[in-house]
Amino acid sequence: MALEFGVQLKAFPSDGSTDLLRFYDDQIAGLPPEFTSLWVSDHFQFGHDPVLEGWTWLTWLAARFPQFKVGHLVLGQGYRNPALLAKMGATLQVLSGGRFILGLGAGWHEEEYRSYGYGYPSRGERVTQLAEALQIIRMMWTQPTATFRGEHYTIVDAICEPKPDPVPPIFVGSPGPRVIRVAAKYADGWTWDAPIETYGPPHAELLKACAEIGRDPATVWKLTFADLDFPDDPAQFQGRLEHSYYPGMYLSQLGPTPADAVEQLTPLIALGVSHIIVFGSTKRTIERFAEEAVPELMKRSLSSLQQSPLPD
């Protein structure tokens, strides 16, 4: 599978500007053809910080930038009834000409769960809900009528027409063993956005989960996400950032130079990662990655495929 790149967009300008059209145009202008996808988060609140609702934001992006695939990194499954989400996804797939990618997770941000009246189910309950949601969505996208009776969700003779064509790829985001098993069983792909150096153990869990159900791990679409940081002074590079609202969660930082980012991502390419999603605090950071890192990563990906071709 050829290596592709995506960009997770910033929601708001750091200078307080309200000209969002120009802001998004500026983020996306000049991306090389290897950048094929745009990604947004799915949250409702982080204290009093401004936050865009993810589904509305994504549908607007799909219309504004028709040259890109679009997806969430990732949707919180508990925020939308899965049958309704299937209908929403099918509609966007039809209207976008087949450019929607469904990223789905178990959900984690307790603040918004409780503030918006969703309660806050246990981690185990949220993982079970995720597994049920994936089954419902797949059924509604592929069957004339769908009936499902689960522990948390039930649908009876649900119809989703027009069907999405092609059926959007579905990937699950999480490093947790239980969610990885859900991804192996019900999803097309899996992504991991914590520190790059810790990718190995959850990837091993994915291989184990595939072996348990007899799935060829080469059929699992693997994505990864990382924050880019190329400071003028390499001594300012932090390496990883603790999540502002989730103590104990860390996000990857690639750097302090594009050449370092290449070396940090190469082991993931060797493991089969074929879609790299990046976030940069400045446009110049993204430009440097595109100019200095992407060509070398493409070469290394091609070399990896030639040495270990995927099965037909």
Protein backbone atom coordinates (compact mmCIF):
# COMPACT_ATOMS: atom_id res chain seq x y z
CA MET A 1 0.00 0.00 0.00
CA ALA A 2 1.49 3.33 -1.07
CA LEU A 3 2.45 5.75 1.67
CA GLU A 4 0.10 8.72 2.09
CA PHE A 5 0.04 11.72 4.38
CA GLY A 6 -2.69 13.71 6.06
CA VAL A 7 -2.91 16.91 8.07
CA GLN A 8 -4.86 17.42 11.25
CA LEU A 9 -6.18 20.96 11.09
CA LYS A 10 -6.06 23.59 13.77
CA ALA A 11 -9.55 24.80 14.59
CA PHE A 12 -8.80 28.44 15.34
CA PRO A 13 -6.04 30.95 14.58
CA SER A 14 -3.72 31.54 17.52
CA ASP A 15 -3.89 35.30 16.93
CA GLY A 16 -7.61 35.43 17.70
CA SER A 17 -8.67 36.15 14.11
CA THR A 18 -12.23 35.18 13.19
CA ASP A 19 -11.53 34.83 9.45
CA LEU A 20 -11.75 31.03 9.45
CA LEU A 21 -12.10 30.71 5.67
CA ARG A 22 -8.75 32.35 5.08
CA PHE A 23 -7.27 30.44 8.02
CA TYR A 24 -8.21 27.02 6.59
CA ASP A 25 -7.24 28.01 3.06
CA ASP A 26 -3.84 29.05 4.35
CA GLN A 27 -3.31 25.78 6.26
CA ILE A 28 -4.07 23.69 3.20
CA ALA A 29 -2.56 25.77 0.39
CA GLY A 30 0.58 24.33 -1.13
CA LEU A 31 0.36 20.82 0.29
CA PRO A 32 2.14 18.36 -2.03
CA PRO A 33 0.15 15.57 -3.73
CA GLU A 34 1.30 13.01 -1.16
CA PHE A 35 -1.00 14.79 1.30
CA THR A 36 -4.35 13.23 0.50
CA SER A 37 -6.47 13.72 3.62
CA LEU A 38 -7.71 16.33 6.10
CA TRP A 39 -8.50 15.41 9.71
CA VAL A 40 -10.33 17.06 12.58
CA SER A 41 -10.98 16.16 16.20
CA ASP A 42 -14.36 15.40 17.76
CA HIS A 43 -14.85 17.26 21.02
CA PHE A 44 -17.42 19.61 22.52
CA GLN A 45 -15.51 21.44 25.21
CA PHE A 46 -12.14 21.92 26.86
CA GLY A 47 -12.90 24.38 29.61
CA HIS A 48 -13.76 27.71 27.96
CA ASP A 49 -11.54 27.22 24.91
CA PRO A 50 -13.38 27.60 21.57
CA VAL A 51 -14.19 24.19 20.06
CA LEU A 52 -15.86 23.33 16.74
CA GLU A 53 -18.32 20.44 16.56
CA GLY A 54 -16.50 17.81 14.55
CA TRP A 55 -19.17 16.50 12.21
CA THR A 56 -20.35 19.91 11.03
CA TRP A 57 -16.74 21.00 10.60
CA LEU A 58 -15.84 17.92 8.54
CA THR A 59 -18.79 18.16 6.17
CA TRP A 60 -17.92 21.79 5.46
CA LEU A 61 -14.29 20.82 4.76
CA ALA A 62 -15.41 18.08 2.38
CA ALA A 63 -17.31 20.64 0.32
CA ARG A 64 -14.66 23.36 0.55
CA PHE A 65 -11.70 21.15 -0.42
CA PRO A 66 -12.93 18.50 -2.88
CA GLN A 67 -9.41 17.26 -3.66
CA PHE A 68 -9.00 15.68 -0.21
CA LYS A 69 -10.37 12.71 1.68
CA VAL A 70 -11.77 13.72 5.08
CA GLY A 71 -11.99 12.00 8.46
CA HIS A 72 -12.13 12.40 12.22
CA LEU A 73 -9.25 11.56 14.49
CA VAL A 74 -11.42 10.13 16.01
CA LEU A 75 -15.16 10.34 16.61
CA GLY A 76 -16.36 9.57 20.13
CA GLN A 77 -18.77 6.71 19.52
CA GLY A 78 -20.94 7.55 22.53
CA TYR A 79 -21.90 11.00 21.25
CA ARG A 80 -24.07 9.82 18.36
CA ASN A 81 -26.44 6.91 18.06
CA PRO A 82 -24.62 4.41 15.82
CA ALA A 83 -27.53 3.96 13.44
CA LEU A 84 -27.76 7.72 13.00
CA LEU A 85 -23.98 7.89 12.57
CA ALA A 86 -24.21 5.24 9.84
CA LYS A 87 -26.82 7.34 8.04
CA MET A 88 -24.72 10.50 8.45
CA GLY A 89 -21.64 8.72 7.10
CA ALA A 90 -23.51 7.26 4.15
CA THR A 91 -24.88 10.67 3.25
CA LEU A 92 -21.47 12.33 3.41
CA GLN A 93 -19.96 9.52 1.33
CA VAL A 94 -22.57 10.03 -1.38
CA LEU A 95 -22.29 13.82 -1.40
CA SER A 96 -18.48 13.86 -1.27
CA GLY A 97 -18.05 11.38 -4.11
CA GLY A 98 -16.54 8.70 -1.87
CA ARG A 99 -14.04 10.73 0.18
CA PHE A 100 -15.18 9.97 3.74
CA ILE A 101 -13.10 7.89 6.18
CA LEU A 102 -14.72 6.86 9.46
CA GLY A 103 -12.43 7.07 12.47
CA LEU A 104 -14.08 5.87 15.66
CA GLY A 105 -12.99 5.50 19.26
CA ALA A 106 -14.44 4.48 22.60
CA GLY A 107 -14.36 8.06 23.92
CA TRP A 108 -12.42 9.37 26.90
CA HIS A 109 -13.05 13.05 27.75
CA GLU A 110 -15.11 12.87 30.92
CA GLU A 111 -15.69 16.62 31.13
CA GLU A 112 -17.70 16.81 27.94
CA TYR A 113 -19.51 13.52 28.56
CA ARG A 114 -20.93 14.81 31.82
CA SER A 115 -21.44 18.42 30.76
CA TYR A 116 -23.43 17.40 27.69
CA GLY A 117 -25.57 14.89 29.59
CA TYR A 118 -24.16 11.61 28.29
CA GLY A 119 -23.17 10.31 31.71
CA TYR A 120 -19.78 8.62 31.76
CA PRO A 121 -19.93 4.84 31.30
CA SER A 122 -17.04 2.74 32.55
CA ARG A 123 -14.15 2.03 30.20
CA GLY A 124 -15.38 -1.52 29.73
CA GLU A 125 -18.89 -0.33 28.84
CA ARG A 126 -17.52 2.19 26.34
CA VAL A 127 -15.45 -0.51 24.63
CA THR A 128 -18.51 -2.77 24.41
CA GLN A 129 -20.50 0.11 22.97
CA LEU A 130 -17.77 0.65 20.39
CA ALA A 131 -17.90 -2.99 19.29
CA GLU A 132 -21.68 -2.82 18.94
CA ALA A 133 -21.53 0.49 17.07
CA LEU A 134 -19.07 -0.91 14.54
CA GLN A 135 -21.30 -3.89 13.84
CA ILE A 136 -24.38 -1.71 13.41
CA ILE A 137 -22.64 0.72 11.08
CA ARG A 138 -21.24 -2.07 8.91
CA MET A 139 -24.63 -3.79 8.72
CA MET A 140 -26.44 -0.60 7.73
CA TRP A 141 -23.90 0.17 5.03
CA THR A 142 -23.98 -3.28 3.48
CA GLN A 143 -27.37 -4.93 4.15
CA PRO A 144 -30.83 -4.07 2.74
CA THR A 145 -32.23 -3.94 6.27
CA ALA A 146 -30.36 -4.21 9.55
CA THR A 147 -31.46 -5.70 12.85
CA PHE A 148 -29.14 -5.84 15.85
CA ARG A 149 -29.85 -6.42 19.51
CA GLY A 150 -26.93 -5.72 21.79
CA GLU A 151 -26.29 -4.87 25.40
CA HIS A 152 -26.29 -1.13 24.69
CA TYR A 153 -27.73 -0.59 21.20
CA THR A 154 -30.68 -2.08 19.34
CA ILE A 155 -31.99 -1.48 15.84
CA VAL A 156 -34.85 -3.26 14.10
CA ASP A 157 -35.33 -3.30 10.32
CA ALA A 158 -33.20 -0.18 9.95
CA ILE A 159 -32.73 0.98 6.36
CA CYS A 160 -29.88 3.13 5.11
CA GLU A 161 -30.45 4.25 1.52
CA PRO A 162 -28.68 5.28 -0.55
CA LYS A 163 -25.91 2.94 0.39
CA PRO A 164 -22.42 4.48 0.55
CA ASP A 165 -20.41 3.58 -2.53
CA PRO A 166 -17.72 2.67 -1.90
CA VAL A 167 -18.25 1.63 1.70
CA PRO A 168 -16.07 4.03 3.74
CA PRO A 169 -13.05 2.47 5.41
CA ILE A 170 -13.41 2.29 9.18
CA PHE A 171 -10.50 2.53 11.56
CA VAL A 172 -10.36 2.49 15.34
CA GLY A 173 -8.06 4.62 17.43
CA SER A 174 -6.62 3.41 20.75
CA PRO A 175 -3.61 1.62 22.24
CA GLY A 176 -5.72 -0.40 24.69
CA PRO A 177 -5.67 -4.20 24.26
CA ARG A 178 -9.46 -4.53 24.39
CA VAL A 179 -10.00 -1.84 21.78
CA ILE A 180 -7.27 -3.31 19.59
CA ARG A 181 -9.17 -6.60 19.64
CA VAL A 182 -12.32 -4.76 18.62
CA ALA A 183 -10.40 -3.16 15.76
CA ALA A 184 -9.01 -6.49 14.59
CA LYS A 185 -12.46 -8.06 14.58
CA TYR A 186 -14.70 -5.30 13.25
CA ALA A 187 -12.64 -2.53 11.61
CA ASP A 188 -10.57 -2.04 8.49
CA GLY A 189 -7.76 -0.25 10.28
CA TRP A 190 -6.13 0.94 13.47
CA THR A 191 -4.25 4.04 14.56
CA TRP A 192 -2.08 5.01 17.50
CA ASP A 193 -1.23 8.60 18.41
CA ALA A 194 0.85 8.36 21.57
CA PRO A 195 4.68 8.58 21.62
CA ILE A 196 6.19 6.99 18.52
CA GLU A 197 8.70 5.01 20.55
CA THR A 198 5.86 3.13 22.28
CA TYR A 199 4.21 1.96 19.04
CA GLY A 200 5.75 -1.52 19.27
CA PRO A 201 3.79 -3.08 22.17
CA PRO A 202 0.31 -2.12 20.91
CA HIS A 203 1.31 -3.24 17.42
CA ALA A 204 2.29 -6.59 18.90
CA GLU A 205 -1.16 -6.71 20.52
CA LEU A 206 -2.69 -6.11 17.11
CA LEU A 207 -0.75 -9.03 15.63
CA LYS A 208 -1.84 -11.21 18.53
CA ALA A 209 -5.47 -10.16 18.13
CA CYS A 210 -5.38 -10.94 14.42
CA ALA A 211 -3.86 -14.37 15.09
CA GLU A 212 -6.62 -15.16 17.59
CA ILE A 213 -9.36 -14.61 15.00
CA GLY A 214 -7.44 -15.86 11.95
CA ARG A 215 -7.11 -12.47 10.26
CA ASP A 216 -4.13 -11.68 8.09
CA PRO A 217 -2.56 -8.60 9.78
CA ALA A 218 -1.53 -7.34 6.34
CA THR A 219 -5.23 -6.61 5.74
CA VAL A 220 -5.32 -4.13 8.64
CA TRP A 221 -4.84 -0.56 7.44
CA LYS A 222 -2.36 1.04 9.84
CA LEU A 223 -2.25 4.77 10.47
CA THR A 224 -0.33 6.91 12.92
CA PHE A 225 -0.51 10.49 14.14
CA ALA A 226 2.23 12.75 15.45
CA ASP A 227 2.81 16.37 16.32
CA LEU A 228 5.63 18.08 14.43
CA ASP A 229 8.09 20.35 16.21
CA PHE A 230 11.08 21.79 14.35
CA PRO A 231 12.27 24.63 16.60
CA ASP A 232 14.93 27.05 15.47
CA ASP A 233 16.86 26.02 18.56
CA PRO A 234 16.90 22.20 18.73
CA ALA A 235 17.51 22.45 22.47
CA GLN A 236 13.91 23.63 22.82
CA PHE A 237 12.58 20.34 21.44
CA GLN A 238 10.50 18.47 24.04
CA GLY A 239 10.01 15.12 22.32
CA ARG A 240 6.55 14.51 23.67
CA LEU A 241 3.79 16.54 25.23
CA GLU A 242 1.51 15.61 28.10
CA HIS A 243 -2.11 16.12 27.16
CA SER A 244 -3.45 19.33 28.69
CA TYR A 245 -6.74 17.76 29.80
CA TYR A 246 -5.84 14.11 30.28
CA PRO A 247 -3.00 13.54 32.77
CA GLY A 248 -0.90 10.56 31.82
CA MET A 249 -1.70 10.80 28.09
CA TYR A 250 1.22 11.86 25.92
CA LEU A 251 1.33 12.94 22.29
CA SER A 252 4.22 12.25 19.96
CA GLN A 253 6.45 15.04 18.79
CA LEU A 254 8.59 14.45 15.73
CA GLY A 255 11.78 16.45 15.56
CA PRO A 256 13.79 18.51 16.26
CA THR A 257 14.51 18.44 12.50
CA PRO A 258 12.74 16.92 9.48
CA ALA A 259 15.66 14.48 9.15
CA ASP A 260 15.00 13.32 12.71
CA ALA A 261 11.32 12.90 11.88
CA VAL A 262 12.28 10.61 9.00
CA GLU A 263 14.30 8.38 11.32
CA GLN A 264 11.52 8.34 13.91
CA LEU A 265 8.87 7.31 11.38
CA THR A 266 10.91 4.75 9.44
CA PRO A 267 10.39 1.89 11.96
CA LEU A 268 6.62 2.41 11.70
CA ILE A 269 6.75 2.22 7.92
CA ALA A 270 8.60 -1.08 8.30
CA LEU A 271 5.69 -2.31 10.46
CA GLY A 272 3.23 -1.46 7.70
CA VAL A 273 2.02 2.02 8.60
CA SER A 274 0.80 3.49 5.32
CA HIS A 275 -0.92 6.72 6.36
CA ILE A 276 0.89 9.30 8.47
CA ILE A 277 -1.19 12.15 9.89
CA VAL A 278 0.71 15.15 11.21
CA PHE A 279 -0.07 18.32 13.10
CA GLY A 280 2.13 21.39 13.09
CA SER A 281 1.72 24.48 15.21
CA THR A 282 2.82 26.65 12.27
CA LYS A 283 2.41 26.45 8.52
CA ARG A 284 6.18 26.57 8.09
CA THR A 285 6.50 23.43 10.19
CA ILE A 286 4.19 21.55 7.82
CA GLU A 287 6.03 23.00 4.82
CA ARG A 288 9.40 21.84 6.13
CA PHE A 289 8.02 18.35 6.73
CA ALA A 290 6.60 18.27 3.20
CA GLU A 291 9.79 19.58 1.60
CA GLU A 292 12.45 17.78 3.63
CA ALA A 293 10.87 14.65 5.11
CA VAL A 294 8.15 13.45 2.74
CA PRO A 295 10.40 12.66 -0.26
CA GLU A 296 12.76 10.56 1.86
CA LEU A 297 9.87 8.79 3.60
CA MET A 298 8.36 7.94 0.21
CA LYS A 299 11.67 6.41 -0.86
CA ARG A 300 11.91 4.34 2.30
CA SER A 301 8.31 3.21 1.98
CA LEU A 302 8.90 2.04 -1.59
CA SER A 303 12.03 0.20 -0.51
CA SER A 304 10.11 -1.47 2.32
CA LEU A 305 7.36 -2.61 -0.06
CA GLN A 306 9.88 -4.01 -2.52
CA GLN A 307 11.59 -5.99 0.25
CA SER A 308 8.35 -7.23 1.83
CA PRO A 309 5.57 -7.10 -0.78
CA LEU A 310 2.03 -7.50 0.49
CA PRO A 311 0.22 -10.68 -0.55
CA ASP A 312 -2.07 -10.52 -3.56
